[in-house]
Amino acid sequence: MNIQDIHNLFLKCKSVSIDTRKIEKDSMFFAIKGENFDANTFAQQALDLGALFVVIDNKDYEIDDRTILVENSLQTLQELAKFHRSYLKLPIIALTGSNGKTTTKELINVVLSKKFRTKATIGNLNNHIGVPLTLLSFTKDTEIGIVEMGANHKKEIEFLCEIALPDYGYITNFGKAHLEGFGGVQGVIQGKSEMYQYLSKNNKRVFVNLEDPIQVEKTKDLKAFTFGILKEHADLKIKAVEANPLVNVEYDSFNVKSNLIGLYNANNINAAVAIGTYFEVDKTAIKGAIESYVPDNNRSQLLKKGSNQIILDAYNANPSSMAVAIANFLQLENQNKIMILGDMFELGDESKEEHKLLLDLLLNQNKANCYMIGKAFYEHKVSNDHVQFFETFDAFAAYLKTIAFNDSTILIKGSRGMALERSLDFI
């Protein structure tokens, strides 16, 4: 069966599923093998749960004409997504970057949805499986698609662009994320810039933050829509930005008072405003969209617990995002500042040095009391009046039971695997 025939069957379905635990009625189920399981074994279960068709790549699990036998289920999912994207012919905005992808994607979506019927990546389904699932969620009713692309090694963004075929692109930044897979910062720049190469090759447009010299250099020969602070030649001119702790931005003809924390989120807001401006969304609608957006999922959330104000940013962390979060936090006017910081993962050979560099910043300041959680930070344990070390979260939790934080502003940040949001149970 060729991909067009499979697409014809897909159009009879309401959705696509790869997990029988979350299967929807009248969906198309793809049996994708994992490291420790063969999803072909769930073919009958998927049909019993309401799937219309099941795509398998092991003939031993053929059932009837509802099973579609292919060479490789994952590859077929990707080919179907590309075919469907071309079938719909809708404009697609793709974005990637080391930090801020998901927040920026959400902001772009709320802004553009004021004028268009938009659909965006759900959560962080941004890899070789998530991007195809996102594309297959678009329908004839979708007027603009927004696709987040994640990567932890070179050639991944190139591969995802060849599936999504974006018309527009934006890279949030180039930072110290996934250094293990990319082989260093230069590898990150090369890997993320694969989006620029695709857009250039296909004469597509890019959105550029003029505050980032790498973006400026990499896009100098591309069709671009730009934004920048006090940059006269910018397409979107930004007059002023402040954050204490919420971000406020002043543009030429309106200003935005957001619910986002930290100057590092200003660029995410500015990108969404720039893209909304390019697509001629009404300025009042843009302002309303940004100001009504409230972050969740442990991303730059501002919480109140007792007499404490908490900045919960525990969804992810890398040296770049950690450094800007710390710098922004230290400049806050609040007197009683506390930082609860966890290990950063996926740094490979750079891990020891990067944890020490961050720690050196904290050991030389007296504006906040810091609690460093995890084996990587604990390896650099020293005696310091403002910094304490805990090798495990359990050790930190036991300590929290012996003290009380009052009238404090608290930053909680670490890699997802540290799950530092658990600290809230003890504050």
Protein backbone atom coordinates (compact mmCIF):
# COMPACT_ATOMS: atom_id res chain seq x y z
CA MET A 1 0.00 0.00 0.00
CA ASN A 2 1.50 3.37 -1.00
CA ILE A 3 1.50 6.48 1.17
CA GLN A 4 -1.41 8.09 -0.70
CA ASP A 5 -3.58 5.03 -0.05
CA ILE A 6 -2.62 5.14 3.64
CA HIS A 7 -3.46 8.85 3.68
CA ASN A 8 -6.90 8.14 2.25
CA LEU A 9 -7.51 5.76 5.15
CA PHE A 10 -6.06 8.30 7.60
CA LEU A 11 -8.61 10.89 6.43
CA LYS A 12 -11.36 8.54 7.64
CA CYS A 13 -9.86 8.64 11.14
CA LYS A 14 -10.31 11.26 13.83
CA SER A 15 -6.76 11.13 15.18
CA VAL A 16 -3.46 9.24 15.33
CA SER A 17 -2.24 7.24 18.30
CA ILE A 18 1.00 5.50 19.26
CA ASP A 19 -0.03 4.44 22.78
CA THR A 20 -2.94 2.09 23.49
CA ARG A 21 -3.21 3.61 26.99
CA LYS A 22 -4.29 6.88 25.39
CA ILE A 23 -6.01 5.59 22.28
CA GLU A 24 -9.04 7.43 20.92
CA LYS A 25 -12.03 5.95 19.16
CA ASP A 26 -11.80 5.94 15.34
CA SER A 27 -8.07 6.66 15.39
CA MET A 28 -5.19 5.26 13.32
CA PHE A 29 -2.76 3.39 15.57
CA PHE A 30 0.93 3.16 14.64
CA ALA A 31 2.80 0.23 16.17
CA ILE A 32 6.18 1.79 16.83
CA LYS A 33 8.89 -0.35 18.39
CA GLY A 34 10.64 0.87 21.53
CA GLU A 35 13.87 -0.21 23.15
CA ASN A 36 12.08 -2.61 25.46
CA PHE A 37 8.85 -3.47 23.65
CA ASP A 38 7.32 -4.30 20.27
CA ALA A 39 4.12 -2.29 19.78
CA ASN A 40 3.03 -4.73 17.06
CA THR A 41 1.89 -6.95 19.92
CA PHE A 42 -0.75 -4.32 20.77
CA ALA A 43 -2.40 -4.39 17.32
CA GLN A 44 -5.46 -6.39 18.38
CA GLN A 45 -5.79 -4.39 21.59
CA ALA A 46 -5.76 -1.12 19.59
CA LEU A 47 -8.59 -2.37 17.40
CA ASP A 48 -10.53 -3.60 20.42
CA LEU A 49 -10.20 -0.15 21.98
CA GLY A 50 -11.69 1.55 18.95
CA ALA A 51 -8.94 2.18 16.41
CA LEU A 52 -10.19 2.10 12.82
CA PHE A 53 -6.83 1.02 11.39
CA VAL A 54 -3.53 -0.25 12.76
CA VAL A 55 -0.20 0.27 11.01
CA ILE A 56 2.18 -2.62 11.74
CA ASP A 57 5.62 -3.71 10.47
CA ASN A 58 5.50 -7.36 11.56
CA LYS A 59 3.36 -9.66 9.43
CA ASP A 60 2.91 -12.04 12.36
CA TYR A 61 0.39 -9.55 13.77
CA GLU A 62 -1.79 -9.11 10.68
CA ILE A 63 -5.43 -9.47 11.63
CA ASP A 64 -7.70 -8.39 8.78
CA ASP A 65 -8.11 -5.50 6.34
CA ARG A 66 -7.92 -3.09 9.25
CA THR A 67 -4.22 -3.83 9.68
CA ILE A 68 -1.83 -2.05 7.29
CA LEU A 69 1.48 -3.88 6.89
CA VAL A 70 4.45 -1.61 6.09
CA GLU A 71 8.23 -1.93 6.08
CA ASN A 72 8.73 0.38 9.05
CA SER A 73 5.93 1.89 11.15
CA LEU A 74 7.92 4.90 12.38
CA GLN A 75 9.15 5.77 8.91
CA THR A 76 5.60 5.44 7.59
CA LEU A 77 4.35 7.81 10.31
CA GLN A 78 6.94 10.37 9.20
CA GLU A 79 6.17 9.92 5.49
CA LEU A 80 2.44 10.21 6.15
CA ALA A 81 2.97 13.43 8.12
CA LYS A 82 4.97 14.97 5.27
CA PHE A 83 2.36 13.88 2.72
CA HIS A 84 -0.45 15.31 4.88
CA ARG A 85 1.43 18.59 5.32
CA SER A 86 1.75 18.93 1.52
CA TYR A 87 -1.89 17.90 1.09
CA LEU A 88 -3.09 20.71 3.39
CA LYS A 89 -0.82 23.39 1.86
CA LEU A 90 -1.18 25.59 4.94
CA PRO A 91 1.54 28.01 6.12
CA ILE A 92 3.70 26.53 8.86
CA ILE A 93 5.89 28.36 11.38
CA ALA A 94 8.71 26.25 12.84
CA LEU A 95 10.78 27.17 15.85
CA THR A 96 13.72 25.71 17.69
CA GLY A 97 16.44 26.91 20.06
CA SER A 98 18.26 26.02 23.26
CA ASN A 99 15.87 27.78 25.67
CA GLY A 100 12.34 29.13 25.59
CA LYS A 101 10.94 27.07 22.69
CA THR A 102 7.75 25.93 24.36
CA THR A 103 6.91 29.27 25.97
CA THR A 104 7.53 31.08 22.68
CA LYS A 105 5.40 28.55 20.81
CA GLU A 106 2.55 29.06 23.26
CA LEU A 107 2.80 32.85 22.96
CA ILE A 108 2.84 32.72 19.15
CA ASN A 109 -0.22 30.50 19.24
CA VAL A 110 -2.27 32.76 21.54
CA VAL A 111 -1.35 35.81 19.45
CA LEU A 112 -2.09 34.31 16.02
CA SER A 113 -5.28 32.64 17.27
CA LYS A 114 -6.77 36.12 17.68
CA LYS A 115 -7.03 36.28 13.87
CA PHE A 116 -6.53 32.73 12.52
CA ARG A 117 -7.59 29.18 13.28
CA THR A 118 -4.25 27.94 14.56
CA LYS A 119 -2.94 24.65 15.82
CA ALA A 120 0.37 24.16 17.61
CA THR A 121 2.57 21.44 19.04
CA ILE A 122 0.98 20.05 22.19
CA GLY A 123 3.33 20.15 25.16
CA ASN A 124 6.82 19.34 23.97
CA LEU A 125 6.01 16.76 21.27
CA ASN A 126 8.92 18.14 19.28
CA ASN A 127 11.07 15.20 18.19
CA HIS A 128 11.10 12.68 15.30
CA ILE A 129 7.81 11.24 16.60
CA GLY A 130 6.22 14.37 18.09
CA VAL A 131 6.60 16.54 14.98
CA PRO A 132 4.80 14.01 12.74
CA LEU A 133 2.03 13.68 15.33
CA THR A 134 1.70 17.47 15.40
CA LEU A 135 1.46 17.69 11.60
CA LEU A 136 -1.15 14.94 11.51
CA SER A 137 -3.27 16.88 14.00
CA PHE A 138 -3.68 19.71 11.47
CA THR A 139 -6.89 19.68 9.41
CA LYS A 140 -8.48 21.57 6.52
CA ASP A 141 -9.78 23.99 9.15
CA THR A 142 -6.26 24.86 10.32
CA GLU A 143 -5.15 28.20 8.85
CA ILE A 144 -1.66 28.36 10.39
CA GLY A 145 0.37 25.54 11.95
CA ILE A 146 3.00 26.16 14.61
CA VAL A 147 5.60 23.41 15.00
CA GLU A 148 8.16 23.24 17.80
CA MET A 149 11.33 21.31 16.95
CA GLY A 150 13.70 19.93 19.55
CA ALA A 151 17.09 18.37 18.94
CA ASN A 152 19.97 16.88 20.89
CA HIS A 153 22.31 16.13 17.99
CA LYS A 154 23.24 17.45 14.55
CA LYS A 155 21.11 16.69 11.48
CA GLU A 156 17.95 16.35 13.60
CA ILE A 157 16.56 19.82 12.79
CA GLU A 158 17.42 19.23 9.13
CA PHE A 159 15.43 15.97 9.24
CA LEU A 160 12.44 17.59 10.97
CA CYS A 161 12.39 20.47 8.48
CA GLU A 162 12.26 17.99 5.60
CA ILE A 163 9.12 16.53 7.19
CA ALA A 164 7.37 19.77 8.22
CA LEU A 165 8.47 21.87 5.20
CA PRO A 166 8.12 25.16 7.14
CA ASP A 167 7.39 28.48 5.43
CA TYR A 168 8.67 30.53 8.38
CA GLY A 169 11.24 29.87 11.06
CA TYR A 170 12.51 31.28 14.34
CA ILE A 171 15.40 30.21 16.54
CA THR A 172 15.03 31.43 20.12
CA ASN A 173 18.75 31.32 20.96
CA PHE A 174 21.91 29.24 20.91
CA GLY A 175 22.90 28.06 24.37
CA LYS A 176 24.61 25.36 26.37
CA ALA A 177 21.93 22.70 26.05
CA HIS A 178 22.38 19.03 25.07
CA LEU A 179 26.14 19.57 24.87
CA GLU A 180 26.71 15.82 25.13
CA GLY A 181 24.84 15.12 21.89
CA PHE A 182 25.96 18.19 19.96
CA GLY A 183 29.60 17.96 21.03
CA GLY A 184 29.86 21.49 22.41
CA VAL A 185 28.43 24.96 21.85
CA GLN A 186 29.63 25.19 18.25
CA GLY A 187 27.80 21.94 17.59
CA VAL A 188 24.64 23.49 19.06
CA ILE A 189 24.96 26.48 16.74
CA GLN A 190 25.51 24.26 13.71
CA GLY A 191 22.66 21.93 14.64
CA LYS A 192 20.06 24.63 15.31
CA SER A 193 21.16 26.58 12.21
CA GLU A 194 20.03 23.70 10.04
CA MET A 195 16.66 25.46 10.14
CA TYR A 196 18.23 28.55 8.57
CA GLN A 197 19.78 26.39 5.87
CA TYR A 198 16.41 24.86 5.00
CA LEU A 199 14.69 28.27 4.90
CA SER A 200 17.47 29.75 2.77
CA LYS A 201 17.46 26.84 0.32
CA ASN A 202 13.70 27.12 -0.12
CA ASN A 203 13.54 30.95 -0.19
CA LYS A 204 11.43 31.10 2.96
CA ARG A 205 11.26 33.78 5.68
CA VAL A 206 12.92 33.90 9.08
CA PHE A 207 12.13 35.98 12.19
CA VAL A 208 15.26 37.45 13.75
CA ASN A 209 16.09 38.90 17.16
CA LEU A 210 18.57 41.69 16.44
CA GLU A 211 19.85 41.50 20.04
CA ASP A 212 21.45 38.14 19.21
CA PRO A 213 24.63 38.58 17.10
CA ILE A 214 24.63 34.91 16.09
CA GLN A 215 21.09 35.19 14.68
CA VAL A 216 22.05 38.39 12.86
CA GLU A 217 25.14 36.81 11.30
CA LYS A 218 23.44 33.56 10.33
CA THR A 219 20.47 35.27 8.65
CA LYS A 220 22.14 38.18 6.85
CA ASP A 221 21.32 36.70 3.42
CA LEU A 222 17.81 35.43 4.27
CA LYS A 223 14.41 37.05 3.91
CA ALA A 224 13.87 38.34 7.42
CA PHE A 225 11.38 40.12 9.67
CA THR A 226 13.32 41.60 12.58
CA PHE A 227 12.79 42.94 16.07
CA GLY A 228 15.13 44.72 18.46
CA ILE A 229 15.46 47.17 21.34
CA LEU A 230 16.12 50.72 20.15
CA LYS A 231 17.04 49.41 16.70
CA GLU A 232 15.83 51.94 14.12
CA HIS A 233 16.10 49.47 11.24
CA ALA A 234 14.06 46.78 13.04
CA ASP A 235 10.66 45.86 11.59
CA LEU A 236 9.33 45.77 15.15
CA LYS A 237 10.91 48.45 17.33
CA ILE A 238 11.07 47.87 21.07
CA LYS A 239 11.44 50.97 23.24
CA ALA A 240 12.04 49.45 26.66
CA VAL A 241 11.99 46.20 28.61
CA GLU A 242 11.84 45.68 32.37
CA ALA A 243 11.28 42.75 34.72
CA ASN A 244 10.74 42.96 38.47
CA PRO A 245 9.91 40.13 38.40
CA LEU A 246 7.16 40.22 35.71
CA VAL A 247 8.13 41.31 32.21
CA ASN A 248 6.79 44.60 30.83
CA VAL A 249 7.62 45.68 27.27
CA GLU A 250 7.02 49.04 25.59
CA TYR A 251 6.58 49.14 21.81
CA ASP A 252 5.98 52.11 19.49
CA SER A 253 2.21 52.22 19.83
CA PHE A 254 1.36 49.97 22.79
CA ASN A 255 2.85 48.24 25.81
CA VAL A 256 2.47 44.78 27.31
CA LYS A 257 2.32 43.82 30.99
CA SER A 258 2.85 40.07 31.02
CA ASN A 259 2.51 37.27 33.56
CA LEU A 260 5.97 35.97 32.63
CA ILE A 261 8.98 36.24 34.90
CA GLY A 262 12.51 37.38 34.05
CA LEU A 263 14.21 39.34 31.32
CA TYR A 264 14.98 36.07 29.54
CA ASN A 265 11.25 35.82 28.74
CA ALA A 266 11.24 39.25 27.08
CA ASN A 267 12.64 37.80 23.86
CA ASN A 268 9.93 35.14 23.86
CA ILE A 269 7.28 37.86 24.13
CA ASN A 270 8.97 40.03 21.50
CA ALA A 271 9.14 37.13 19.04
CA ALA A 272 5.40 36.47 19.43
CA VAL A 273 4.59 40.17 19.02
CA ALA A 274 6.83 40.36 15.94
CA ILE A 275 5.16 37.35 14.34
CA GLY A 276 1.71 38.71 15.18
CA THR A 277 2.71 42.05 13.66
CA TYR A 278 3.97 40.35 10.50
CA PHE A 279 0.65 38.52 10.11
CA GLU A 280 -1.22 41.79 10.71
CA VAL A 281 -2.95 40.79 13.93
CA ASP A 282 -4.60 43.84 15.53
CA LYS A 283 -2.29 45.44 18.10
CA THR A 284 -4.98 45.50 20.76
CA ALA A 285 -5.53 41.79 20.18
CA ILE A 286 -1.78 41.12 20.44
CA LYS A 287 -1.62 43.00 23.73
CA GLY A 288 -4.63 41.13 25.10
CA ALA A 289 -3.25 37.76 24.04
CA ILE A 290 0.13 38.27 25.70
CA GLU A 291 -1.33 39.74 28.88
CA SER A 292 -3.83 36.91 29.28
CA TYR A 293 -1.21 34.16 28.91
CA VAL A 294 -0.39 32.48 32.22
CA PRO A 295 2.46 29.90 32.21
CA ASP A 296 2.01 26.44 33.70
CA ASN A 297 3.80 23.08 33.77
CA ASN A 298 6.58 24.38 36.05
CA ARG A 299 7.69 26.94 33.45
CA SER A 300 8.34 30.39 34.93
CA GLN A 301 5.30 30.14 37.17
CA LEU A 302 4.79 32.79 39.84
CA LEU A 303 3.20 31.18 42.90
CA LYS A 304 2.26 32.30 46.38
CA LYS A 305 2.68 29.96 49.32
CA GLY A 306 2.14 31.38 52.78
CA SER A 307 4.13 34.60 52.98
CA ASN A 308 6.52 33.44 50.23
CA GLN A 309 6.59 34.37 46.55
CA ILE A 310 7.88 31.45 44.47
CA ILE A 311 9.30 31.46 40.95
CA LEU A 312 8.88 27.87 39.81
CA ASP A 313 11.00 27.18 36.73
CA ALA A 314 11.70 23.49 37.28
CA TYR A 315 10.73 22.12 33.88
CA ASN A 316 14.27 22.17 32.53
CA ALA A 317 17.72 23.66 32.99
CA ASN A 318 21.02 24.03 31.17
CA PRO A 319 24.00 26.33 31.80
CA SER A 320 22.60 29.13 29.61
CA SER A 321 19.07 29.15 31.02
CA MET A 322 20.36 28.72 34.57
CA ALA A 323 22.78 31.65 34.23
CA VAL A 324 20.14 34.10 32.97
CA ALA A 325 17.62 32.93 35.55
CA ILE A 326 20.14 33.49 38.35
CA ALA A 327 21.23 36.88 37.01
CA ASN A 328 17.64 38.04 36.71
CA PHE A 329 16.78 36.73 40.17
CA LEU A 330 19.71 38.45 41.86
CA GLN A 331 18.70 41.85 40.46
CA LEU A 332 15.22 41.67 42.03
CA GLU A 333 14.58 44.26 44.70
CA ASN A 334 13.22 41.78 47.27
CA GLN A 335 15.34 41.54 50.43
CA ASN A 336 14.96 37.85 51.37
CA LYS A 337 16.01 35.85 48.33
CA ILE A 338 16.43 32.08 48.24
CA MET A 339 17.55 29.86 45.35
CA ILE A 340 16.86 26.13 45.19
CA LEU A 341 18.93 24.86 42.26
CA GLY A 342 19.27 21.33 40.92
CA ASP A 343 21.75 19.49 38.72
CA MET A 344 21.81 20.07 34.96
CA PHE A 345 21.70 16.94 32.79
CA GLU A 346 22.92 15.96 29.29
CA LEU A 347 26.13 17.98 29.50
CA GLY A 348 28.50 15.08 28.84
CA ASP A 349 32.18 15.88 29.37
CA GLU A 350 31.28 19.53 30.03
CA SER A 351 29.18 18.71 33.10
CA LYS A 352 31.85 19.10 35.78
CA GLU A 353 33.13 22.41 34.43
CA GLU A 354 29.67 23.90 33.79
CA HIS A 355 28.42 23.08 37.30
CA LYS A 356 31.56 24.61 38.78
CA LEU A 357 31.22 27.79 36.68
CA LEU A 358 27.67 28.33 37.93
CA LEU A 359 28.70 27.58 41.47
CA ASP A 360 31.54 30.12 41.29
CA LEU A 361 28.96 32.80 40.45
CA LEU A 362 26.97 31.94 43.56
CA LEU A 363 29.88 31.61 45.96
CA ASN A 364 30.92 35.20 45.24
CA GLN A 365 27.56 36.85 45.97
CA ASN A 366 25.72 37.69 49.18
CA LYS A 367 22.29 38.61 47.82
CA ALA A 368 20.65 35.20 48.15
CA ASN A 369 20.88 32.00 50.15
CA CYS A 370 21.39 29.06 47.84
CA TYR A 371 20.58 25.36 48.19
CA MET A 372 22.35 23.19 45.62
CA ILE A 373 20.70 19.80 45.03
CA GLY A 374 22.23 16.80 43.27
CA LYS A 375 25.44 14.83 42.82
CA ALA A 376 26.96 17.14 40.20
CA PHE A 377 26.80 20.22 42.41
CA TYR A 378 27.67 18.19 45.53
CA GLU A 379 30.96 17.16 43.90
CA HIS A 380 32.07 20.81 44.29
CA LYS A 381 30.91 21.14 47.91
CA VAL A 382 32.67 23.87 49.88
CA SER A 383 31.98 25.71 53.11
CA ASN A 384 30.16 28.98 52.39
CA ASP A 385 27.85 31.23 54.41
CA HIS A 386 25.33 31.59 51.57
CA VAL A 387 25.51 28.20 49.81
CA GLN A 388 24.55 24.77 51.15
CA PHE A 389 24.86 21.42 49.37
CA PHE A 390 22.63 18.33 49.37
CA GLU A 391 23.62 15.22 47.44
CA THR A 392 20.02 14.03 47.01
CA PHE A 393 16.58 15.58 47.05
CA ASP A 394 15.63 13.39 50.00
CA ALA A 395 18.45 14.92 52.02
CA PHE A 396 17.21 18.40 51.11
CA ALA A 397 13.61 17.47 51.94
CA ALA A 398 14.70 16.27 55.37
CA TYR A 399 16.45 19.59 55.92
CA LEU A 400 13.38 21.57 54.84
CA LYS A 401 11.36 19.86 57.56
CA THR A 402 13.61 21.49 60.16
CA ILE A 403 13.30 25.11 58.98
CA ALA A 404 10.69 27.58 57.73
CA PHE A 405 10.92 30.16 54.95
CA ASN A 406 8.96 33.36 55.57
CA ASP A 407 8.51 36.56 53.58
CA SER A 408 10.96 35.28 50.97
CA THR A 409 11.20 35.25 47.21
CA ILE A 410 12.27 31.77 46.12
CA LEU A 411 13.63 30.60 42.76
CA ILE A 412 13.30 26.86 42.07
CA LYS A 413 15.15 25.66 38.97
CA GLY A 414 16.77 22.41 37.79
CA SER A 415 16.67 19.79 35.08
CA ARG A 416 13.41 17.86 34.63
CA GLY A 417 14.91 14.72 36.12
CA MET A 418 15.49 16.54 39.41
CA ALA A 419 11.73 17.20 39.81
CA LEU A 420 12.42 20.14 42.13
CA GLU A 421 8.75 21.10 42.17
CA ARG A 422 8.62 18.58 45.01
CA SER A 423 10.13 21.34 47.16
CA LEU A 424 6.71 23.01 47.26
CA ASP A 425 5.46 20.25 49.55
CA PHE A 426 7.92 21.37 52.24
CA ILE A 427 7.72 25.18 51.93
